[in-house]
Protein backbone atom coordinates (compact mmCIF):
# COMPACT_ATOMS: atom_id res chain seq x y z
CA MET A 1 -0.22 -0.07 0.08
CA TYR A 2 1.19 3.38 -0.84
CA VAL A 3 -0.19 6.96 -0.26
CA VAL A 4 0.12 10.14 -1.71
CA TYR A 5 0.00 12.68 0.78
CA ILE A 6 -0.48 16.51 1.51
CA ILE A 7 1.77 18.13 4.30
CA TYR A 8 1.01 21.92 5.58
CA SER A 9 3.06 24.13 7.09
CA ILE A 10 0.82 26.65 9.54
CA LYS A 11 3.58 28.92 10.43
CA PHE A 12 5.12 29.67 6.87
CA ASP A 13 1.52 28.79 5.04
CA ARG A 14 3.29 25.91 2.37
CA TYR A 15 2.11 22.47 1.29
CA TYR A 16 3.99 19.98 0.44
CA VAL A 17 3.33 16.76 -1.63
CA GLY A 18 4.79 13.45 -1.29
CA MET A 19 4.60 9.40 -1.65
CA SER A 20 5.67 6.61 0.71
CA SER A 21 4.81 3.27 1.93
CA ASP A 22 4.90 4.23 5.34
CA PHE A 23 3.25 7.44 6.02
CA LYS A 24 3.64 8.02 9.94
CA GLU A 25 7.33 7.60 9.86
CA ARG A 26 7.58 9.59 6.56
CA LEU A 27 6.14 12.14 8.32
CA LYS A 28 8.99 12.12 10.87
CA THR A 29 11.20 12.51 8.65
CA HIS A 30 9.92 15.66 7.89
CA ASN A 31 9.80 16.79 11.12
CA SER A 32 13.29 16.03 12.01
CA GLY A 33 14.35 17.97 9.38
CA GLN A 34 16.13 15.05 7.47
CA VAL A 35 14.25 16.37 4.15
CA LYS A 36 15.85 18.91 2.45
CA SER A 37 13.38 20.45 0.44
CA THR A 38 10.98 20.60 3.74
CA LYS A 39 13.76 21.48 6.11
CA ALA A 40 13.01 25.26 6.64
CA PHE A 41 9.42 25.08 6.77
CA ARG A 42 8.61 22.89 9.36
CA PRO A 43 6.25 21.87 11.39
CA TRP A 44 4.56 19.92 9.10
CA ASP A 45 0.65 18.80 9.62
CA LEU A 46 -0.86 16.35 7.59
CA PHE A 47 -3.58 18.12 5.30
CA HIS A 48 -4.78 15.46 2.59
CA LEU A 49 -4.08 11.70 1.98
CA GLU A 50 -4.64 9.01 -0.56
CA GLU A 51 -4.24 5.23 -0.40
CA PHE A 52 -3.30 3.28 -3.64
CA GLU A 53 -2.43 0.02 -4.15
CA THR A 54 0.71 0.10 -6.51
CA ARG A 55 3.73 2.19 -6.23
CA THR A 56 2.77 3.60 -9.62
CA GLU A 57 -0.73 4.37 -9.29
CA ALA A 58 0.61 6.75 -6.06
CA ARG A 59 3.43 8.04 -7.94
CA THR A 60 1.34 8.77 -11.24
CA LYS A 61 -1.57 11.20 -8.68
CA GLU A 62 1.81 12.43 -6.86
CA LYS A 63 3.20 13.77 -10.75
CA TYR A 64 0.09 15.40 -11.40
CA LEU A 65 -0.70 17.00 -7.60
CA LYS A 66 3.15 18.74 -8.71
CA SER A 67 1.58 19.48 -12.12
CA ALA A 68 0.27 23.06 -13.15
CA THR A 69 -3.22 21.48 -13.99
CA GLY A 70 -2.73 19.93 -10.45
CA ARG A 71 -1.82 22.35 -8.35
CA ARG A 72 -5.45 24.04 -9.96
CA TRP A 73 -6.71 20.97 -8.90
CA ARG A 74 -6.03 21.04 -5.31
CA LYS A 75 -6.96 24.44 -5.16
CA HIS A 76 -10.49 24.20 -6.70
CA ASN A 77 -11.24 20.60 -4.81
CA LEU A 78 -9.26 21.29 -1.40
CA GLY A 79 -9.06 24.37 -1.05
CA MET A 80 -5.85 25.36 -1.18
């Protein structure tokens, strides 16, 4: 099982989209400063989570959410 997640930094009003097979552990790495791209914007909280059966499905959704079209979808459907 894989998840695509969106985490949010209240302090900096920023979102981050990612994918993992162990979300709880991945969130810990984001909040402990081990992820270069999110280190400066800690702390992070879960904003949105979707589950997928395969890594391929999850990766496809992650790439979509990171695209310009996906950003528009996030804004319209998730209120971001």
